Amino acid sequence: MTTIKCPQCRKETTLEGNPNRPFCSERCKLIDLGTWATEGYRFPGEKAPTRSDDEEEPSE
């Protein structure tokens, strides 16, 4: 049986027969989802420019 560490809490868990894999539980899975939803995971870099409502879209 293959075991891994849960990416959230680092507890040992199995891959086989685990409906929450790679997480150990539904709780760890939802914590990770919440971090993604609140943009907790980001890549460093410059912010992308945003278009204001006053600017016109470029014509083709």
PDB file of N, CA and C in Angstrom:
ATOM      1  N   MET A   1       0.851  -1.174   0.000  1.00  0.00           N
ATOM      2  CA  MET A   1       0.000   0.000   0.000  1.00  0.00           C
ATOM      3  C   MET A   1       0.905   1.249   0.000  1.00  0.00           C
ATOM      4  N   THR A   2       0.653   2.155  -0.904  1.00  0.00           N
ATOM      5  CA  THR A   2       1.449   3.365  -1.032  1.00  0.00           C
ATOM      6  C   THR A   2       0.959   4.429  -0.052  1.00  0.00           C
ATOM      7  N   THR A   3       1.887   4.989   0.721  1.00  0.00           N
ATOM      8  CA  THR A   3       1.521   6.076   1.627  1.00  0.00           C
ATOM      9  C   THR A   3       2.260   7.338   1.223  1.00  0.00           C
ATOM     10  N   ILE A   4       1.603   8.456   1.451  1.00  0.00           N
ATOM     11  CA  ILE A   4       2.183   9.775   1.181  1.00  0.00           C
ATOM     12  C   ILE A   4       1.844  10.682   2.360  1.00  0.00           C
ATOM     13  N   LYS A   5       2.442  11.861   2.371  1.00  0.00           N
ATOM     14  CA  LYS A   5       2.088  12.849   3.388  1.00  0.00           C
ATOM     15  C   LYS A   5       1.050  13.796   2.803  1.00  0.00           C
ATOM     16  N   CYS A   6       0.048  14.088   3.594  1.00  0.00           N
ATOM     17  CA  CYS A   6      -0.999  15.026   3.194  1.00  0.00           C
ATOM     18  C   CYS A   6      -0.350  16.381   2.930  1.00  0.00           C
ATOM     19  N   PRO A   7      -0.620  16.994   1.775  1.00  0.00           N
ATOM     20  CA  PRO A   7      -0.015  18.295   1.476  1.00  0.00           C
ATOM     21  C   PRO A   7      -0.429  19.409   2.431  1.00  0.00           C
ATOM     22  N   GLN A   8      -1.525  19.221   3.151  1.00  0.00           N
ATOM     23  CA  GLN A   8      -2.017  20.258   4.046  1.00  0.00           C
ATOM     24  C   GLN A   8      -1.472  20.102   5.461  1.00  0.00           C
ATOM     25  N   CYS A   9      -1.664  18.922   6.072  1.00  0.00           N
ATOM     26  CA  CYS A   9      -1.296  18.738   7.481  1.00  0.00           C
ATOM     27  C   CYS A   9      -0.059  17.865   7.682  1.00  0.00           C
ATOM     28  N   ARG A  10       0.441  17.274   6.593  1.00  0.00           N
ATOM     29  CA  ARG A  10       1.646  16.441   6.606  1.00  0.00           C
ATOM     30  C   ARG A  10       1.442  15.101   7.310  1.00  0.00           C
ATOM     31  N   LYS A  11       0.223  14.689   7.586  1.00  0.00           N
ATOM     32  CA  LYS A  11      -0.079  13.399   8.200  1.00  0.00           C
ATOM     33  C   LYS A  11       0.057  12.307   7.129  1.00  0.00           C
ATOM     34  N   GLU A  12       0.564  11.124   7.519  1.00  0.00           N
ATOM     35  CA  GLU A  12       0.665  10.004   6.593  1.00  0.00           C
ATOM     36  C   GLU A  12      -0.730   9.550   6.176  1.00  0.00           C
ATOM     37  N   THR A  13      -0.917   9.294   4.873  1.00  0.00           N
ATOM     38  CA  THR A  13      -2.201   8.825   4.363  1.00  0.00           C
ATOM     39  C   THR A  13      -1.953   7.880   3.202  1.00  0.00           C
ATOM     40  N   THR A  14      -2.937   7.077   2.858  1.00  0.00           N
ATOM     41  CA  THR A  14      -2.792   6.131   1.753  1.00  0.00           C
ATOM     42  C   THR A  14      -3.404   6.701   0.490  1.00  0.00           C
ATOM     43  N   LEU A  15      -2.890   6.240  -0.644  1.00  0.00           N
ATOM     44  CA  LEU A  15      -3.462   6.649  -1.918  1.00  0.00           C
ATOM     45  C   LEU A  15      -4.632   5.743  -2.303  1.00  0.00           C
ATOM     46  N   GLU A  16      -4.444   4.448  -2.102  1.00  0.00           N
ATOM     47  CA  GLU A  16      -5.467   3.483  -2.488  1.00  0.00           C
ATOM     48  C   GLU A  16      -6.685   3.589  -1.573  1.00  0.00           C
ATOM     49  N   GLY A  17      -7.861   3.654  -2.182  1.00  0.00           N
ATOM     50  CA  GLY A  17      -9.096   3.670  -1.415  1.00  0.00           C
ATOM     51  C   GLY A  17      -9.363   4.962  -0.660  1.00  0.00           C
ATOM     52  N   ASN A  18      -8.630   6.012  -0.962  1.00  0.00           N
ATOM     53  CA  ASN A  18      -8.809   7.290  -0.266  1.00  0.00           C
ATOM     54  C   ASN A  18      -9.543   8.256  -1.203  1.00  0.00           C
ATOM     55  N   PRO A  19     -10.812   8.541  -0.961  1.00  0.00           N
ATOM     56  CA  PRO A  19     -11.564   9.431  -1.852  1.00  0.00           C
ATOM     57  C   PRO A  19     -11.091  10.889  -1.796  1.00  0.00           C
ATOM     58  N   ASN A  20     -10.293  11.231  -0.806  1.00  0.00           N
ATOM     59  CA  ASN A  20      -9.809  12.608  -0.665  1.00  0.00           C
ATOM     60  C   ASN A  20      -8.369  12.786  -1.134  1.00  0.00           C
ATOM     61  N   ARG A  21      -7.787  11.766  -1.744  1.00  0.00           N
ATOM     62  CA  ARG A  21      -6.372  11.832  -2.103  1.00  0.00           C
ATOM     63  C   ARG A  21      -6.064  13.042  -2.953  1.00  0.00           C
ATOM     64  N   PRO A  22      -4.993  13.690  -2.829  1.00  0.00           N
ATOM     65  CA  PRO A  22      -3.826  13.368  -2.021  1.00  0.00           C
ATOM     66  C   PRO A  22      -3.949  13.819  -0.573  1.00  0.00           C
ATOM     67  N   PHE A  23      -5.104  14.323  -0.177  1.00  0.00           N
ATOM     68  CA  PHE A  23      -5.302  14.794   1.193  1.00  0.00           C
ATOM     69  C   PHE A  23      -5.735  13.640   2.087  1.00  0.00           C
ATOM     70  N   CYS A  24      -5.555  13.794   3.391  1.00  0.00           N
ATOM     71  CA  CYS A  24      -5.925  12.731   4.324  1.00  0.00           C
ATOM     72  C   CYS A  24      -7.405  12.763   4.666  1.00  0.00           C
ATOM     73  N   SER A  25      -8.052  13.919   4.490  1.00  0.00           N
ATOM     74  CA  SER A  25      -9.456  14.035   4.889  1.00  0.00           C
ATOM     75  C   SER A  25     -10.165  15.115   4.080  1.00  0.00           C
ATOM     76  N   GLU A  26     -11.473  15.131   4.199  1.00  0.00           N
ATOM     77  CA  GLU A  26     -12.294  16.165   3.559  1.00  0.00           C
ATOM     78  C   GLU A  26     -11.915  17.541   4.105  1.00  0.00           C
ATOM     79  N   ARG A  27     -11.617  17.610   5.388  1.00  0.00           N
ATOM     80  CA  ARG A  27     -11.249  18.874   6.024  1.00  0.00           C
ATOM     81  C   ARG A  27      -9.997  19.479   5.358  1.00  0.00           C
ATOM     82  N   CYS A  28      -8.951  18.676   5.196  1.00  0.00           N
ATOM     83  CA  CYS A  28      -7.720  19.185   4.569  1.00  0.00           C
ATOM     84  C   CYS A  28      -7.968  19.595   3.120  1.00  0.00           C
ATOM     85  N   LYS A  29      -8.825  18.842   2.429  1.00  0.00           N
ATOM     86  CA  LYS A  29      -9.154  19.170   1.045  1.00  0.00           C
ATOM     87  C   LYS A  29      -9.856  20.524   0.960  1.00  0.00           C
ATOM     88  N   LEU A  30     -10.786  20.780   1.880  1.00  0.00           N
ATOM     89  CA  LEU A  30     -11.525  22.048   1.870  1.00  0.00           C
ATOM     90  C   LEU A  30     -10.653  23.228   2.301  1.00  0.00           C
ATOM     91  N   ILE A  31      -9.723  22.999   3.219  1.00  0.00           N
ATOM     92  CA  ILE A  31      -8.790  24.059   3.604  1.00  0.00           C
ATOM     93  C   ILE A  31      -7.971  24.482   2.396  1.00  0.00           C
ATOM     94  N   ASP A  32      -7.485  23.505   1.629  1.00  0.00           N
ATOM     95  CA  ASP A  32      -6.696  23.801   0.436  1.00  0.00           C
ATOM     96  C   ASP A  32      -7.538  24.540  -0.613  1.00  0.00           C
ATOM     97  N   LEU A  33      -8.767  24.094  -0.812  1.00  0.00           N
ATOM     98  CA  LEU A  33      -9.670  24.765  -1.756  1.00  0.00           C
ATOM     99  C   LEU A  33      -9.902  26.214  -1.351  1.00  0.00           C
ATOM    100  N   GLY A  34     -10.098  26.455  -0.056  1.00  0.00           N
ATOM    101  CA  GLY A  34     -10.292  27.819   0.434  1.00  0.00           C
ATOM    102  C   GLY A  34      -9.080  28.699   0.203  1.00  0.00           C
ATOM    103  N   THR A  35      -7.891  28.124   0.324  1.00  0.00           N
ATOM    104  CA  THR A  35      -6.673  28.892   0.063  1.00  0.00           C
ATOM    105  C   THR A  35      -6.603  29.294  -1.406  1.00  0.00           C
ATOM    106  N   TRP A  36      -6.964  28.377  -2.303  1.00  0.00           N
ATOM    107  CA  TRP A  36      -7.000  28.717  -3.728  1.00  0.00           C
ATOM    108  C   TRP A  36      -8.049  29.802  -3.996  1.00  0.00           C
ATOM    109  N   ALA A  37      -9.236  29.655  -3.396  1.00  0.00           N
ATOM    110  CA  ALA A  37     -10.340  30.582  -3.644  1.00  0.00           C
ATOM    111  C   ALA A  37     -10.027  32.007  -3.179  1.00  0.00           C
ATOM    112  N   THR A  38      -9.232  32.134  -2.128  1.00  0.00           N
ATOM    113  CA  THR A  38      -8.882  33.466  -1.624  1.00  0.00           C
ATOM    114  C   THR A  38      -7.538  33.949  -2.157  1.00  0.00           C
ATOM    115  N   GLU A  39      -7.068  33.279  -3.227  1.00  0.00           N
ATOM    116  CA  GLU A  39      -5.815  33.628  -3.895  1.00  0.00           C
ATOM    117  C   GLU A  39      -4.620  33.573  -2.953  1.00  0.00           C
ATOM    118  N   GLY A  40      -4.639  32.601  -2.046  1.00  0.00           N
ATOM    119  CA  GLY A  40      -3.531  32.404  -1.119  1.00  0.00           C
ATOM    120  C   GLY A  40      -2.295  31.836  -1.787  1.00  0.00           C
ATOM    121  N   TYR A  41      -2.515  31.093  -2.880  1.00  0.00           N
ATOM    122  CA  TYR A  41      -1.397  30.558  -3.660  1.00  0.00           C
ATOM    123  C   TYR A  41      -1.190  31.485  -4.851  1.00  0.00           C
ATOM    124  N   ARG A  42      -0.040  32.135  -4.897  1.00  0.00           N
ATOM    125  CA  ARG A  42       0.244  33.052  -6.005  1.00  0.00           C
ATOM    126  C   ARG A  42       1.676  32.874  -6.455  1.00  0.00           C
ATOM    127  N   PHE A  43       1.919  33.177  -7.695  1.00  0.00           N
ATOM    128  CA  PHE A  43       3.270  33.196  -8.219  1.00  0.00           C
ATOM    129  C   PHE A  43       3.791  34.616  -8.110  1.00  0.00           C
ATOM    130  N   PRO A  44       5.038  34.787  -7.673  1.00  0.00           N
ATOM    131  CA  PRO A  44       5.582  36.140  -7.586  1.00  0.00           C
ATOM    132  C   PRO A  44       5.742  36.746  -8.978  1.00  0.00           C
ATOM    133  N   GLY A  45       5.573  38.034  -9.051  1.00  0.00           N
ATOM    134  CA  GLY A  45       5.732  38.729 -10.325  1.00  0.00           C
ATOM    135  C   GLY A  45       4.972  40.035 -10.322  1.00  0.00           C
ATOM    136  N   GLU A  46       5.070  40.715 -11.427  1.00  0.00           N
ATOM    137  CA  GLU A  46       4.373  41.991 -11.558  1.00  0.00           C
ATOM    138  C   GLU A  46       2.893  41.744 -11.819  1.00  0.00           C
ATOM    139  N   LYS A  47       2.080  42.664 -11.336  1.00  0.00           N
ATOM    140  CA  LYS A  47       0.648  42.581 -11.573  1.00  0.00           C
ATOM    141  C   LYS A  47       0.356  42.813 -13.052  1.00  0.00           C
ATOM    142  N   ALA A  48      -0.604  42.093 -13.555  1.00  0.00           N
ATOM    143  CA  ALA A  48      -1.019  42.267 -14.945  1.00  0.00           C
ATOM    144  C   ALA A  48      -1.756  43.595 -15.072  1.00  0.00           C
ATOM    145  N   PRO A  49      -1.553  44.309 -16.174  1.00  0.00           N
ATOM    146  CA  PRO A  49      -2.263  45.579 -16.341  1.00  0.00           C
ATOM    147  C   PRO A  49      -3.765  45.333 -16.489  1.00  0.00           C
ATOM    148  N   THR A  50      -4.543  46.232 -15.921  1.00  0.00           N
ATOM    149  CA  THR A  50      -6.000  46.117 -16.041  1.00  0.00           C
ATOM    150  C   THR A  50      -6.521  47.239 -16.912  1.00  0.00           C
ATOM    151  N   ARG A  51      -7.587  46.944 -17.614  1.00  0.00           N
ATOM    152  CA  ARG A  51      -8.194  47.926 -18.506  1.00  0.00           C
ATOM    153  C   ARG A  51      -9.298  48.633 -17.745  1.00  0.00           C
ATOM    154  N   SER A  52      -9.270  49.957 -17.741  1.00  0.00           N
ATOM    155  CA  SER A  52     -10.338  50.696 -17.067  1.00  0.00           C
ATOM    156  C   SER A  52     -11.535  50.830 -18.008  1.00  0.00           C
ATOM    157  N   ASP A  53     -12.663  51.175 -17.468  1.00  0.00           N
ATOM    158  CA  ASP A  53     -13.875  51.306 -18.278  1.00  0.00           C
ATOM    159  C   ASP A  53     -13.773  52.454 -19.268  1.00  0.00           C
ATOM    160  N   ASP A  54     -12.875  53.436 -19.029  1.00  0.00           N
ATOM    161  CA  ASP A  54     -12.736  54.566 -19.920  1.00  0.00           C
ATOM    162  C   ASP A  54     -11.960  54.214 -21.189  1.00  0.00           C
ATOM    163  N   GLU A  55     -11.136  53.201 -21.114  1.00  0.00           N
ATOM    164  CA  GLU A  55     -10.327  52.811 -22.259  1.00  0.00           C
ATOM    165  C   GLU A  55     -11.182  52.041 -23.252  1.00  0.00           C
ATOM    166  N   GLU A  56     -10.877  52.228 -24.522  1.00  0.00           N
ATOM    167  CA  GLU A  56     -11.594  51.501 -25.554  1.00  0.00           C
ATOM    168  C   GLU A  56     -10.848  50.210 -25.864  1.00  0.00           C
ATOM    169  N   GLU A  57     -11.606  49.217 -26.306  1.00  0.00           N
ATOM    170  CA  GLU A  57     -10.978  47.968 -26.701  1.00  0.00           C
ATOM    171  C   GLU A  57     -10.267  48.180 -28.023  1.00  0.00           C
ATOM    172  N   PRO A  58      -9.120  47.548 -28.220  1.00  0.00           N
ATOM    173  CA  PRO A  58      -8.400  47.727 -29.489  1.00  0.00           C
ATOM    174  C   PRO A  58      -9.218  47.172 -30.642  1.00  0.00           C
ATOM    175  N   SER A  59      -9.210  47.889 -31.754  1.00  0.00           N
ATOM    176  CA  SER A  59      -9.962  47.442 -32.930  1.00  0.00           C
ATOM    177  C   SER A  59      -9.062  46.513 -33.756  1.00  0.00           C
ATOM    178  N   GLU A  60      -9.723  45.586 -34.438  1.00  0.00           N
ATOM    179  CA  GLU A  60      -8.963  44.620 -35.230  1.00  0.00           C
ATOM    180  C   GLU A  60      -8.817  45.046 -36.645  1.00  0.00           C
TER     181      GLU A  60
END
